[in-house]
Amino acid sequence: MAYKPTGNKPGRPKKVHAGGRPTKMTKNVVAKLEECYALDCTDKEACLLADISVDALYKYQKKYPEFVKRKQQLKETPVFIARKTVVKNIKEDQNLAFKYLERKRRDEFGPSERIDHNVKVGIELSEEEAGLAKEAVDYVRRFKKRNDFKGSKK
């Protein structure tokens, strides 16, 4: 069997080409994706701007799960910037201050609606109809008191 030179220096491991198509996920592409995610872009928008397919992104995320965590962190950037802006400008804008409190302390400052459940319906009933309605209500009350009433849960 004849010796075939590999091009490597003696004593060094043989260089093996991985084969297949080179990846589109270069450092430059990842940087573009991160920039998009910092602007709260969707996967589809980020892929469009980075010039890759959504499938390529998903394969990359599957191979590098730490990128998914980084992506989630970057997507919080606009929220942080908005919060910082609101808090910074809260002294100058009273409406902004109130809106902030409405959302952060809903129980205390949020809008409240009161619903009056004791509204009288404008239906005229004859004495006979009113008597039947009263009997029906009394029957239901007795039925509930016997604890036989389970509701309509299925």
C-alpha atoms as a PDB file:
ATOM      1  CA  MET A   1       0.000   0.000   0.000  1.00  0.00           C
ATOM      2  CA  ALA A   2       1.423   3.330  -1.033  1.00  0.00           C
ATOM      3  CA  TYR A   3       1.887   6.240   1.342  1.00  0.00           C
ATOM      4  CA  LYS A   4      -0.348   9.249   0.622  1.00  0.00           C
ATOM      5  CA  PRO A   5       0.762  12.557   2.134  1.00  0.00           C
ATOM      6  CA  THR A   6      -1.950  14.426   3.988  1.00  0.00           C
ATOM      7  CA  GLY A   7      -0.370  17.842   3.879  1.00  0.00           C
ATOM      8  CA  ASN A   8       0.011  17.830   7.669  1.00  0.00           C
ATOM      9  CA  LYS A   9       3.326  17.993   9.427  1.00  0.00           C
ATOM     10  CA  PRO A  10       4.416  14.722  10.948  1.00  0.00           C
ATOM     11  CA  GLY A  11       3.074  14.123  14.446  1.00  0.00           C
ATOM     12  CA  ARG A  12       0.053  16.393  14.026  1.00  0.00           C
ATOM     13  CA  PRO A  13      -3.476  15.055  13.761  1.00  0.00           C
ATOM     14  CA  LYS A  14      -4.983  14.832  10.328  1.00  0.00           C
ATOM     15  CA  LYS A  15      -7.210  17.788   9.423  1.00  0.00           C
ATOM     16  CA  VAL A  16     -10.720  16.592   8.766  1.00  0.00           C
ATOM     17  CA  HIS A  17     -13.186  18.679   6.862  1.00  0.00           C
ATOM     18  CA  ALA A  18     -16.649  18.575   8.417  1.00  0.00           C
ATOM     19  CA  GLY A  19     -18.206  18.571   4.986  1.00  0.00           C
ATOM     20  CA  GLY A  20     -21.554  19.953   4.035  1.00  0.00           C
ATOM     21  CA  ARG A  21     -22.618  23.501   3.481  1.00  0.00           C
ATOM     22  CA  PRO A  22     -20.985  26.230   5.576  1.00  0.00           C
ATOM     23  CA  THR A  23     -23.232  27.743   8.235  1.00  0.00           C
ATOM     24  CA  LYS A  24     -24.906  31.099   7.727  1.00  0.00           C
ATOM     25  CA  MET A  25     -24.774  31.707  11.473  1.00  0.00           C
ATOM     26  CA  THR A  26     -21.601  33.746  11.558  1.00  0.00           C
ATOM     27  CA  LYS A  27     -20.629  36.149  14.341  1.00  0.00           C
ATOM     28  CA  ASN A  28     -21.922  38.983  12.175  1.00  0.00           C
ATOM     29  CA  VAL A  29     -25.331  37.308  11.741  1.00  0.00           C
ATOM     30  CA  VAL A  30     -25.605  36.580  15.477  1.00  0.00           C
ATOM     31  CA  ALA A  31     -24.741  40.238  16.194  1.00  0.00           C
ATOM     32  CA  LYS A  32     -27.524  41.362  13.815  1.00  0.00           C
ATOM     33  CA  LEU A  33     -29.986  39.012  15.518  1.00  0.00           C
ATOM     34  CA  GLU A  34     -29.018  40.348  18.945  1.00  0.00           C
ATOM     35  CA  GLU A  35     -29.467  43.917  17.729  1.00  0.00           C
ATOM     36  CA  CYS A  36     -32.952  43.052  16.461  1.00  0.00           C
ATOM     37  CA  TYR A  37     -33.923  41.304  19.688  1.00  0.00           C
ATOM     38  CA  ALA A  38     -32.771  44.357  21.653  1.00  0.00           C
ATOM     39  CA  LEU A  39     -35.420  46.240  19.636  1.00  0.00           C
ATOM     40  CA  ASP A  40     -38.024  43.588  20.586  1.00  0.00           C
ATOM     41  CA  CYS A  41     -38.296  42.211  17.040  1.00  0.00           C
ATOM     42  CA  THR A  42     -40.028  38.912  16.372  1.00  0.00           C
ATOM     43  CA  ASP A  43     -38.054  35.899  15.143  1.00  0.00           C
ATOM     44  CA  LYS A  44     -39.404  36.447  11.636  1.00  0.00           C
ATOM     45  CA  GLU A  45     -38.349  40.129  11.606  1.00  0.00           C
ATOM     46  CA  ALA A  46     -34.915  39.370  13.042  1.00  0.00           C
ATOM     47  CA  CYS A  47     -34.312  36.644  10.459  1.00  0.00           C
ATOM     48  CA  LEU A  48     -35.393  38.942   7.645  1.00  0.00           C
ATOM     49  CA  LEU A  49     -32.955  41.642   8.758  1.00  0.00           C
ATOM     50  CA  ALA A  50     -30.139  39.130   9.375  1.00  0.00           C
ATOM     51  CA  ASP A  51     -30.794  37.490   5.977  1.00  0.00           C
ATOM     52  CA  ILE A  52     -31.295  33.962   7.314  1.00  0.00           C
ATOM     53  CA  SER A  53     -34.247  31.593   7.345  1.00  0.00           C
ATOM     54  CA  VAL A  54     -36.363  31.051  10.435  1.00  0.00           C
ATOM     55  CA  ASP A  55     -35.448  27.351  10.232  1.00  0.00           C
ATOM     56  CA  ALA A  56     -31.742  28.268  10.424  1.00  0.00           C
ATOM     57  CA  LEU A  57     -32.471  30.310  13.562  1.00  0.00           C
ATOM     58  CA  TYR A  58     -34.377  27.461  15.186  1.00  0.00           C
ATOM     59  CA  LYS A  59     -31.616  24.968  14.380  1.00  0.00           C
ATOM     60  CA  TYR A  60     -29.076  27.366  15.894  1.00  0.00           C
ATOM     61  CA  GLN A  61     -31.218  27.799  19.018  1.00  0.00           C
ATOM     62  CA  LYS A  62     -31.532  24.045  19.367  1.00  0.00           C
ATOM     63  CA  LYS A  63     -27.768  23.661  19.084  1.00  0.00           C
ATOM     64  CA  TYR A  64     -27.032  26.635  21.410  1.00  0.00           C
ATOM     65  CA  PRO A  65     -29.769  26.884  24.084  1.00  0.00           C
ATOM     66  CA  GLU A  66     -27.845  29.668  25.830  1.00  0.00           C
ATOM     67  CA  PHE A  67     -28.702  31.873  22.825  1.00  0.00           C
ATOM     68  CA  VAL A  68     -32.399  31.478  23.655  1.00  0.00           C
ATOM     69  CA  LYS A  69     -31.726  32.826  27.158  1.00  0.00           C
ATOM     70  CA  ARG A  70     -29.730  35.708  25.701  1.00  0.00           C
ATOM     71  CA  LYS A  71     -32.574  36.437  23.260  1.00  0.00           C
ATOM     72  CA  GLN A  72     -35.106  36.599  26.105  1.00  0.00           C
ATOM     73  CA  GLN A  73     -32.862  38.976  28.031  1.00  0.00           C
ATOM     74  CA  LEU A  74     -32.413  41.227  25.004  1.00  0.00           C
ATOM     75  CA  LYS A  75     -36.171  41.366  24.400  1.00  0.00           C
ATOM     76  CA  GLU A  76     -36.559  42.950  27.857  1.00  0.00           C
ATOM     77  CA  THR A  77     -34.336  45.890  26.858  1.00  0.00           C
ATOM     78  CA  PRO A  78     -37.152  48.124  25.504  1.00  0.00           C
ATOM     79  CA  VAL A  79     -39.198  47.525  28.656  1.00  0.00           C
ATOM     80  CA  PHE A  80     -36.256  48.567  30.808  1.00  0.00           C
ATOM     81  CA  ILE A  81     -35.617  51.684  28.707  1.00  0.00           C
ATOM     82  CA  ALA A  82     -39.309  52.626  28.835  1.00  0.00           C
ATOM     83  CA  ARG A  83     -39.426  52.119  32.600  1.00  0.00           C
ATOM     84  CA  LYS A  84     -36.309  54.236  33.025  1.00  0.00           C
ATOM     85  CA  THR A  85     -37.814  56.997  30.845  1.00  0.00           C
ATOM     86  CA  VAL A  86     -41.093  56.952  32.756  1.00  0.00           C
ATOM     87  CA  VAL A  87     -39.409  57.183  36.135  1.00  0.00           C
ATOM     88  CA  LYS A  88     -37.051  59.910  34.905  1.00  0.00           C
ATOM     89  CA  ASN A  89     -39.899  62.049  33.496  1.00  0.00           C
ATOM     90  CA  ILE A  90     -42.461  61.362  36.199  1.00  0.00           C
ATOM     91  CA  LYS A  91     -41.722  64.662  37.987  1.00  0.00           C
ATOM     92  CA  GLU A  92     -42.500  66.778  34.925  1.00  0.00           C
ATOM     93  CA  ASP A  93     -45.629  64.984  33.731  1.00  0.00           C
ATOM     94  CA  GLN A  94     -48.449  64.473  36.237  1.00  0.00           C
ATOM     95  CA  ASN A  95     -50.512  62.418  33.771  1.00  0.00           C
ATOM     96  CA  LEU A  96     -47.579  60.094  33.286  1.00  0.00           C
ATOM     97  CA  ALA A  97     -47.217  59.756  37.046  1.00  0.00           C
ATOM     98  CA  PHE A  98     -50.885  58.856  37.438  1.00  0.00           C
ATOM     99  CA  LYS A  99     -50.807  56.342  34.566  1.00  0.00           C
ATOM    100  CA  TYR A 100     -47.780  54.720  36.158  1.00  0.00           C
ATOM    101  CA  LEU A 101     -49.594  54.396  39.485  1.00  0.00           C
ATOM    102  CA  GLU A 102     -52.735  53.083  37.766  1.00  0.00           C
ATOM    103  CA  ARG A 103     -50.759  50.203  36.343  1.00  0.00           C
ATOM    104  CA  LYS A 104     -48.421  49.496  39.237  1.00  0.00           C
ATOM    105  CA  ARG A 105     -50.972  49.848  42.057  1.00  0.00           C
ATOM    106  CA  ARG A 106     -54.232  48.813  40.408  1.00  0.00           C
ATOM    107  CA  ASP A 107     -56.058  48.168  43.675  1.00  0.00           C
ATOM    108  CA  GLU A 108     -55.405  51.664  44.912  1.00  0.00           C
ATOM    109  CA  PHE A 109     -55.252  53.832  41.773  1.00  0.00           C
ATOM    110  CA  GLY A 110     -56.733  51.692  38.995  1.00  0.00           C
ATOM    111  CA  PRO A 111     -60.087  52.393  37.397  1.00  0.00           C
ATOM    112  CA  SER A 112     -62.964  50.785  39.182  1.00  0.00           C
ATOM    113  CA  GLU A 113     -66.415  50.047  37.908  1.00  0.00           C
ATOM    114  CA  ARG A 114     -69.322  49.441  40.170  1.00  0.00           C
ATOM    115  CA  ILE A 115     -72.082  47.202  38.937  1.00  0.00           C
ATOM    116  CA  ASP A 116     -75.466  47.445  40.586  1.00  0.00           C
ATOM    117  CA  HIS A 117     -76.974  43.973  40.636  1.00  0.00           C
ATOM    118  CA  ASN A 118     -80.175  45.195  42.253  1.00  0.00           C
ATOM    119  CA  VAL A 119     -81.647  46.656  39.111  1.00  0.00           C
ATOM    120  CA  LYS A 120     -85.374  46.265  38.796  1.00  0.00           C
ATOM    121  CA  VAL A 121     -86.476  44.906  35.465  1.00  0.00           C
ATOM    122  CA  GLY A 122     -89.434  46.746  34.028  1.00  0.00           C
ATOM    123  CA  ILE A 123     -91.623  43.665  33.532  1.00  0.00           C
ATOM    124  CA  GLU A 124     -95.170  43.815  34.728  1.00  0.00           C
ATOM    125  CA  LEU A 125     -96.344  40.506  36.227  1.00  0.00           C
ATOM    126  CA  SER A 126     -99.876  39.590  37.127  1.00  0.00           C
ATOM    127  CA  GLU A 127    -100.503  38.414  40.681  1.00  0.00           C
ATOM    128  CA  GLU A 128    -100.677  34.835  39.473  1.00  0.00           C
ATOM    129  CA  GLU A 129     -97.348  35.127  37.574  1.00  0.00           C
ATOM    130  CA  ALA A 130     -95.682  36.829  40.543  1.00  0.00           C
ATOM    131  CA  GLY A 131     -96.910  34.032  42.819  1.00  0.00           C
ATOM    132  CA  LEU A 132     -95.514  31.355  40.469  1.00  0.00           C
ATOM    133  CA  ALA A 133     -92.178  33.179  40.238  1.00  0.00           C
ATOM    134  CA  LYS A 134     -91.990  33.395  44.036  1.00  0.00           C
ATOM    135  CA  GLU A 135     -92.759  29.684  44.347  1.00  0.00           C
ATOM    136  CA  ALA A 136     -90.034  28.847  41.836  1.00  0.00           C
ATOM    137  CA  VAL A 137     -87.467  30.957  43.706  1.00  0.00           C
ATOM    138  CA  ASP A 138     -88.474  29.385  47.036  1.00  0.00           C
ATOM    139  CA  TYR A 139     -88.189  25.897  45.508  1.00  0.00           C
ATOM    140  CA  VAL A 140     -84.655  26.614  44.263  1.00  0.00           C
ATOM    141  CA  ARG A 141     -83.653  28.002  47.667  1.00  0.00           C
ATOM    142  CA  ARG A 142     -84.968  24.902  49.460  1.00  0.00           C
ATOM    143  CA  PHE A 143     -83.211  22.695  46.947  1.00  0.00           C
ATOM    144  CA  LYS A 144     -79.900  24.472  47.557  1.00  0.00           C
ATOM    145  CA  LYS A 145     -80.319  24.280  51.331  1.00  0.00           C
ATOM    146  CA  ARG A 146     -80.655  20.502  51.156  1.00  0.00           C
ATOM    147  CA  ASN A 147     -77.164  20.586  49.694  1.00  0.00           C
ATOM    148  CA  ASP A 148     -78.331  18.504  46.739  1.00  0.00           C
ATOM    149  CA  PHE A 149     -77.490  21.255  44.307  1.00  0.00           C
ATOM    150  CA  LYS A 150     -74.122  20.585  42.660  1.00  0.00           C
ATOM    151  CA  GLY A 151     -74.233  23.315  40.022  1.00  0.00           C
ATOM    152  CA  SER A 152     -73.713  22.680  36.356  1.00  0.00           C
ATOM    153  CA  LYS A 153     -70.078  21.500  36.582  1.00  0.00           C
ATOM    154  CA  LYS A 154     -69.194  18.632  34.318  1.00  0.00           C
END
